[in-house]
Amino acid sequence: MSLTHRTVAMMLPVTDVDRARTFYSESLGLDYTGTNDEGSALFALDGGSTLVLLPRPDSHPSESTAMSFEVDDISAEIGELEGRGVVFEDYDLPDFRTVDHVCVLGSEKAAWFKDPSGNVLCLHEQT
């Protein structure tokens, strides 16, 4: 048996599961499917995968991207998410710069934002 063709459950620690659930369902538009026995908020993702928001009040987010969503039109997605209150990060470093929230990385465009717990999330588009 190979794990290549198995669905994935993405576990993401959050400091306030109720606030995170609201952000992921209302701001990002993900399909909230309920809460498990531990109090984790569950979201259905494409392909049968699941996002699990783990209640971890004392957790500290990674400075790296925790999760990235592949999109067809990054500019349109940014506009839609900004309309729902999502705030995008901007960077101006020597080898890493965003213009209108978007960084071009070879054959990919990417934009970053944070959830209420400070987890770094990304949109990416293959060009």
N, C-alpha and C. Protein backbone atom coordinates (compact mmCIF):
# COMPACT_ATOMS: atom_id res chain seq x y z
N MET A 1 0.84 -1.17 0.00
CA MET A 1 0.00 0.00 0.00
C MET A 1 0.89 1.24 0.00
N SER A 2 0.53 2.21 -0.79
CA SER A 2 1.29 3.45 -0.89
C SER A 2 0.50 4.61 -0.29
N LEU A 3 1.18 5.49 0.38
CA LEU A 3 0.52 6.67 0.94
C LEU A 3 0.24 7.73 -0.13
N THR A 4 0.80 7.54 -1.30
CA THR A 4 0.64 8.50 -2.39
C THR A 4 -0.82 8.79 -2.71
N HIS A 5 -1.65 7.79 -2.63
CA HIS A 5 -3.05 7.94 -3.05
C HIS A 5 -4.00 7.94 -1.85
N ARG A 6 -3.55 8.41 -0.72
CA ARG A 6 -4.36 8.48 0.49
C ARG A 6 -4.72 9.93 0.79
N THR A 7 -5.88 10.14 1.38
CA THR A 7 -6.25 11.49 1.78
C THR A 7 -5.42 11.89 2.99
N VAL A 8 -5.35 13.18 3.21
CA VAL A 8 -4.50 13.72 4.27
C VAL A 8 -5.36 14.51 5.24
N ALA A 9 -5.03 14.42 6.53
CA ALA A 9 -5.58 15.30 7.54
C ALA A 9 -4.47 16.26 7.94
N MET A 10 -4.67 17.52 7.70
CA MET A 10 -3.70 18.57 8.03
C MET A 10 -4.02 19.07 9.43
N MET A 11 -3.10 18.88 10.38
CA MET A 11 -3.30 19.32 11.76
C MET A 11 -2.63 20.67 11.96
N LEU A 12 -3.40 21.64 12.41
CA LEU A 12 -2.88 22.99 12.60
C LEU A 12 -3.26 23.48 14.00
N PRO A 13 -2.28 23.74 14.87
CA PRO A 13 -2.60 24.22 16.21
C PRO A 13 -3.08 25.67 16.19
N VAL A 14 -4.12 25.95 16.99
CA VAL A 14 -4.65 27.31 17.10
C VAL A 14 -4.85 27.63 18.57
N THR A 15 -4.69 28.90 18.91
CA THR A 15 -4.81 29.29 20.32
C THR A 15 -6.27 29.42 20.75
N ASP A 16 -7.17 29.77 19.84
CA ASP A 16 -8.59 29.93 20.15
C ASP A 16 -9.38 29.27 19.02
N VAL A 17 -9.87 28.06 19.26
CA VAL A 17 -10.51 27.28 18.19
C VAL A 17 -11.78 27.95 17.68
N ASP A 18 -12.54 28.62 18.53
CA ASP A 18 -13.77 29.28 18.07
C ASP A 18 -13.46 30.45 17.13
N ARG A 19 -12.49 31.25 17.52
CA ARG A 19 -12.09 32.39 16.67
C ARG A 19 -11.51 31.88 15.35
N ALA A 20 -10.70 30.82 15.41
CA ALA A 20 -10.12 30.24 14.20
C ALA A 20 -11.20 29.64 13.31
N ARG A 21 -12.16 28.94 13.93
CA ARG A 21 -13.26 28.35 13.14
C ARG A 21 -14.00 29.43 12.36
N THR A 22 -14.28 30.55 13.01
CA THR A 22 -14.96 31.65 12.33
C THR A 22 -14.12 32.17 11.17
N PHE A 23 -12.82 32.36 11.39
CA PHE A 23 -11.93 32.84 10.33
C PHE A 23 -11.90 31.88 9.14
N TYR A 24 -11.70 30.59 9.42
CA TYR A 24 -11.57 29.62 8.33
C TYR A 24 -12.90 29.41 7.59
N SER A 25 -14.01 29.50 8.29
CA SER A 25 -15.29 29.30 7.61
C SER A 25 -15.80 30.57 6.95
N GLU A 26 -15.76 31.69 7.68
CA GLU A 26 -16.34 32.92 7.13
C GLU A 26 -15.36 33.71 6.26
N SER A 27 -14.13 33.87 6.72
CA SER A 27 -13.18 34.67 5.94
C SER A 27 -12.60 33.89 4.77
N LEU A 28 -12.28 32.60 4.99
CA LEU A 28 -11.69 31.80 3.90
C LEU A 28 -12.73 31.01 3.13
N GLY A 29 -13.91 30.82 3.70
CA GLY A 29 -14.97 30.11 2.99
C GLY A 29 -14.83 28.60 2.98
N LEU A 30 -14.06 28.04 3.93
CA LEU A 30 -13.91 26.58 3.98
C LEU A 30 -15.16 25.95 4.58
N ASP A 31 -15.39 24.69 4.21
CA ASP A 31 -16.58 23.95 4.61
C ASP A 31 -16.38 23.32 5.99
N TYR A 32 -16.94 23.97 7.01
CA TYR A 32 -16.87 23.47 8.39
C TYR A 32 -17.77 22.25 8.51
N THR A 33 -17.23 21.15 9.02
CA THR A 33 -18.01 19.91 9.10
C THR A 33 -18.31 19.48 10.52
N GLY A 34 -17.80 20.19 11.52
CA GLY A 34 -18.11 19.84 12.90
C GLY A 34 -16.89 19.87 13.79
N THR A 35 -17.09 19.34 14.99
CA THR A 35 -16.05 19.33 16.01
C THR A 35 -15.86 17.90 16.49
N ASN A 36 -14.61 17.50 16.71
CA ASN A 36 -14.36 16.14 17.21
C ASN A 36 -14.38 16.14 18.75
N ASP A 37 -14.14 14.98 19.34
CA ASP A 37 -14.20 14.83 20.80
C ASP A 37 -13.17 15.69 21.53
N GLU A 38 -12.07 16.01 20.87
CA GLU A 38 -11.02 16.83 21.49
C GLU A 38 -11.36 18.31 21.44
N GLY A 39 -12.38 18.67 20.67
CA GLY A 39 -12.74 20.07 20.50
C GLY A 39 -12.10 20.71 19.28
N SER A 40 -11.50 19.90 18.43
CA SER A 40 -10.90 20.41 17.19
C SER A 40 -11.99 20.72 16.17
N ALA A 41 -11.84 21.83 15.48
CA ALA A 41 -12.76 22.18 14.39
C ALA A 41 -12.28 21.47 13.13
N LEU A 42 -13.23 20.87 12.40
CA LEU A 42 -12.91 20.08 11.21
C LEU A 42 -13.47 20.75 9.96
N PHE A 43 -12.66 20.74 8.91
CA PHE A 43 -13.05 21.34 7.63
C PHE A 43 -12.77 20.36 6.51
N ALA A 44 -13.73 20.20 5.60
CA ALA A 44 -13.54 19.34 4.44
C ALA A 44 -12.77 20.11 3.38
N LEU A 45 -11.75 19.45 2.82
CA LEU A 45 -10.96 20.03 1.75
C LEU A 45 -11.14 19.18 0.50
N ASP A 46 -10.79 19.73 -0.64
CA ASP A 46 -10.92 19.02 -1.90
C ASP A 46 -10.16 17.69 -1.87
N GLY A 47 -10.67 16.70 -2.55
CA GLY A 47 -10.00 15.41 -2.65
C GLY A 47 -10.19 14.53 -1.43
N GLY A 48 -11.06 14.92 -0.51
CA GLY A 48 -11.32 14.10 0.66
C GLY A 48 -10.43 14.40 1.84
N SER A 49 -9.53 15.34 1.71
CA SER A 49 -8.65 15.69 2.82
C SER A 49 -9.39 16.54 3.85
N THR A 50 -8.81 16.66 5.04
CA THR A 50 -9.45 17.37 6.14
C THR A 50 -8.45 18.33 6.79
N LEU A 51 -8.92 19.51 7.14
CA LEU A 51 -8.15 20.43 7.96
C LEU A 51 -8.68 20.29 9.38
N VAL A 52 -7.77 20.06 10.33
CA VAL A 52 -8.12 19.90 11.73
C VAL A 52 -7.45 21.02 12.51
N LEU A 53 -8.26 21.89 13.11
CA LEU A 53 -7.74 22.99 13.93
C LEU A 53 -7.69 22.51 15.37
N LEU A 54 -6.48 22.24 15.84
CA LEU A 54 -6.26 21.68 17.17
C LEU A 54 -6.28 22.78 18.23
N PRO A 55 -7.10 22.65 19.27
CA PRO A 55 -7.09 23.65 20.33
C PRO A 55 -5.82 23.54 21.17
N ARG A 56 -4.93 24.51 21.00
CA ARG A 56 -3.66 24.54 21.72
C ARG A 56 -3.42 25.97 22.21
N PRO A 57 -4.03 26.35 23.34
CA PRO A 57 -3.95 27.74 23.82
C PRO A 57 -2.53 28.27 23.99
N ASP A 58 -1.58 27.42 24.28
CA ASP A 58 -0.21 27.87 24.53
C ASP A 58 0.71 27.68 23.32
N SER A 59 0.15 27.37 22.16
CA SER A 59 1.00 27.09 21.00
C SER A 59 1.58 28.38 20.43
N HIS A 60 2.69 28.23 19.73
CA HIS A 60 3.35 29.35 19.05
C HIS A 60 3.46 28.98 17.58
N PRO A 61 3.03 29.86 16.70
CA PRO A 61 3.05 29.52 15.27
C PRO A 61 4.47 29.46 14.71
N SER A 62 4.64 28.65 13.71
CA SER A 62 5.90 28.60 12.98
C SER A 62 6.03 29.88 12.15
N GLU A 63 7.25 30.31 11.92
CA GLU A 63 7.47 31.47 11.06
C GLU A 63 7.37 31.10 9.59
N SER A 64 7.35 29.82 9.30
CA SER A 64 7.25 29.34 7.92
C SER A 64 5.79 29.11 7.54
N THR A 65 5.56 28.96 6.26
CA THR A 65 4.22 28.69 5.77
C THR A 65 3.72 27.36 6.31
N ALA A 66 2.56 27.38 6.93
CA ALA A 66 1.97 26.17 7.50
C ALA A 66 1.11 25.43 6.48
N MET A 67 0.47 26.19 5.57
CA MET A 67 -0.43 25.59 4.60
C MET A 67 -0.56 26.53 3.42
N SER A 68 -0.66 25.96 2.21
CA SER A 68 -0.79 26.78 1.01
C SER A 68 -1.92 26.24 0.15
N PHE A 69 -2.73 27.15 -0.36
CA PHE A 69 -3.85 26.81 -1.22
C PHE A 69 -3.48 27.14 -2.67
N GLU A 70 -3.56 26.16 -3.56
CA GLU A 70 -3.32 26.42 -4.97
C GLU A 70 -4.59 27.03 -5.57
N VAL A 71 -4.42 28.15 -6.27
CA VAL A 71 -5.54 28.87 -6.87
C VAL A 71 -5.28 29.08 -8.36
N ASP A 72 -6.35 29.35 -9.11
CA ASP A 72 -6.23 29.57 -10.55
C ASP A 72 -5.87 31.02 -10.88
N ASP A 73 -6.35 31.97 -10.07
CA ASP A 73 -6.13 33.39 -10.32
C ASP A 73 -5.84 34.06 -8.98
N ILE A 74 -4.57 34.23 -8.68
CA ILE A 74 -4.17 34.73 -7.36
C ILE A 74 -4.69 36.14 -7.10
N SER A 75 -4.69 37.00 -8.11
CA SER A 75 -5.17 38.37 -7.91
C SER A 75 -6.65 38.40 -7.57
N ALA A 76 -7.43 37.58 -8.25
CA ALA A 76 -8.87 37.50 -7.96
C ALA A 76 -9.11 36.95 -6.55
N GLU A 77 -8.36 35.94 -6.16
CA GLU A 77 -8.50 35.36 -4.81
C GLU A 77 -8.13 36.38 -3.74
N ILE A 78 -7.05 37.13 -3.97
CA ILE A 78 -6.64 38.16 -3.01
C ILE A 78 -7.77 39.17 -2.85
N GLY A 79 -8.32 39.63 -3.95
CA GLY A 79 -9.41 40.60 -3.90
C GLY A 79 -10.61 40.07 -3.14
N GLU A 80 -10.97 38.83 -3.39
CA GLU A 80 -12.12 38.23 -2.71
C GLU A 80 -11.85 38.09 -1.21
N LEU A 81 -10.67 37.62 -0.85
CA LEU A 81 -10.35 37.44 0.56
C LEU A 81 -10.21 38.78 1.29
N GLU A 82 -9.63 39.76 0.64
CA GLU A 82 -9.54 41.09 1.25
C GLU A 82 -10.95 41.63 1.51
N GLY A 83 -11.87 41.35 0.60
CA GLY A 83 -13.26 41.77 0.79
C GLY A 83 -13.91 41.13 2.01
N ARG A 84 -13.35 40.01 2.46
CA ARG A 84 -13.86 39.33 3.67
C ARG A 84 -13.00 39.64 4.89
N GLY A 85 -12.09 40.62 4.75
CA GLY A 85 -11.31 41.06 5.88
C GLY A 85 -9.94 40.43 6.06
N VAL A 86 -9.51 39.57 5.15
CA VAL A 86 -8.19 38.95 5.26
C VAL A 86 -7.13 40.00 4.92
N VAL A 87 -6.10 40.07 5.76
CA VAL A 87 -5.02 41.04 5.57
C VAL A 87 -3.79 40.29 5.06
N PHE A 88 -3.26 40.71 3.93
CA PHE A 88 -2.10 40.06 3.33
C PHE A 88 -0.81 40.71 3.79
N GLU A 89 0.23 39.90 3.87
CA GLU A 89 1.55 40.34 4.27
C GLU A 89 2.27 40.91 3.04
N ASP A 90 3.13 41.89 3.25
CA ASP A 90 3.97 42.42 2.18
C ASP A 90 5.42 42.35 2.63
N TYR A 91 6.30 42.06 1.67
CA TYR A 91 7.71 41.89 1.97
C TYR A 91 8.53 42.74 0.99
N ASP A 92 9.61 43.31 1.49
CA ASP A 92 10.54 44.06 0.64
C ASP A 92 11.96 43.74 1.10
N LEU A 93 12.42 42.57 0.70
CA LEU A 93 13.75 42.09 1.05
C LEU A 93 14.60 42.03 -0.22
N PRO A 94 15.91 41.94 -0.11
CA PRO A 94 16.74 41.94 -1.33
C PRO A 94 16.35 40.88 -2.36
N ASP A 95 16.05 39.67 -1.94
CA ASP A 95 15.71 38.60 -2.90
C ASP A 95 14.27 38.14 -2.80
N PHE A 96 13.44 38.92 -2.13
CA PHE A 96 12.06 38.48 -1.88
C PHE A 96 11.18 39.71 -1.70
N ARG A 97 10.39 40.00 -2.73
CA ARG A 97 9.60 41.23 -2.71
C ARG A 97 8.21 40.97 -3.24
N THR A 98 7.21 41.54 -2.58
CA THR A 98 5.84 41.45 -3.07
C THR A 98 5.45 42.76 -3.74
N VAL A 99 4.64 42.63 -4.78
CA VAL A 99 4.02 43.77 -5.45
C VAL A 99 2.53 43.47 -5.46
N ASP A 100 1.73 44.36 -4.90
CA ASP A 100 0.29 44.11 -4.73
C ASP A 100 0.06 42.78 -4.01
N HIS A 101 0.88 42.52 -3.01
CA HIS A 101 0.83 41.32 -2.14
C HIS A 101 1.38 40.06 -2.80
N VAL A 102 1.82 40.11 -4.04
CA VAL A 102 2.22 38.92 -4.78
C VAL A 102 3.73 38.91 -5.00
N CYS A 103 4.33 37.76 -4.74
CA CYS A 103 5.75 37.54 -5.02
C CYS A 103 5.84 36.53 -6.17
N VAL A 104 6.64 36.83 -7.17
CA VAL A 104 6.86 35.90 -8.28
C VAL A 104 8.10 35.08 -7.96
N LEU A 105 7.90 33.77 -7.92
CA LEU A 105 8.97 32.83 -7.58
C LEU A 105 9.12 31.85 -8.74
N GLY A 106 9.89 32.23 -9.75
CA GLY A 106 10.04 31.37 -10.92
C GLY A 106 8.72 31.21 -11.64
N SER A 107 8.21 29.99 -11.71
CA SER A 107 6.96 29.72 -12.42
C SER A 107 5.76 29.73 -11.47
N GLU A 108 5.91 30.40 -10.35
CA GLU A 108 4.83 30.43 -9.37
C GLU A 108 4.67 31.84 -8.82
N LYS A 109 3.43 32.20 -8.55
CA LYS A 109 3.12 33.43 -7.83
C LYS A 109 2.60 33.03 -6.47
N ALA A 110 2.93 33.81 -5.43
CA ALA A 110 2.48 33.47 -4.08
C ALA A 110 2.16 34.74 -3.30
N ALA A 111 1.23 34.58 -2.35
CA ALA A 111 0.85 35.66 -1.44
C ALA A 111 0.56 35.04 -0.07
N TRP A 112 0.91 35.77 1.00
CA TRP A 112 0.82 35.22 2.35
C TRP A 112 -0.08 36.06 3.24
N PHE A 113 -0.72 35.39 4.18
CA PHE A 113 -1.54 36.03 5.20
C PHE A 113 -1.49 35.15 6.44
N LYS A 114 -1.99 35.68 7.56
CA LYS A 114 -1.96 34.92 8.81
C LYS A 114 -3.37 34.68 9.33
N ASP A 115 -3.54 33.55 10.00
CA ASP A 115 -4.80 33.29 10.66
C ASP A 115 -4.78 33.97 12.03
N PRO A 116 -5.88 33.95 12.79
CA PRO A 116 -5.91 34.64 14.08
C PRO A 116 -4.88 34.14 15.09
N SER A 117 -4.34 32.93 14.91
CA SER A 117 -3.31 32.42 15.82
C SER A 117 -1.91 32.74 15.34
N GLY A 118 -1.80 33.40 14.19
CA GLY A 118 -0.49 33.76 13.65
C GLY A 118 0.11 32.73 12.72
N ASN A 119 -0.63 31.65 12.40
CA ASN A 119 -0.15 30.67 11.44
C ASN A 119 -0.06 31.32 10.06
N VAL A 120 1.06 31.12 9.38
CA VAL A 120 1.25 31.71 8.05
C VAL A 120 0.61 30.80 7.01
N LEU A 121 -0.31 31.38 6.25
CA LEU A 121 -1.00 30.67 5.18
C LEU A 121 -0.64 31.33 3.86
N CYS A 122 -0.77 30.58 2.78
CA CYS A 122 -0.33 31.07 1.48
C CYS A 122 -1.35 30.74 0.40
N LEU A 123 -1.40 31.59 -0.60
CA LEU A 123 -2.05 31.29 -1.87
C LEU A 123 -0.94 31.14 -2.87
N HIS A 124 -1.04 30.15 -3.75
CA HIS A 124 -0.03 30.05 -4.82
C HIS A 124 -0.72 29.70 -6.13
N GLU A 125 -0.16 30.23 -7.21
CA GLU A 125 -0.67 30.02 -8.56
C GLU A 125 0.50 29.58 -9.45
N GLN A 126 0.32 28.49 -10.15
CA GLN A 126 1.30 28.06 -11.13
C GLN A 126 1.10 28.88 -12.40
N THR A 127 2.20 29.47 -12.93
CA THR A 127 2.06 30.30 -14.12
C THR A 127 2.58 29.58 -15.35
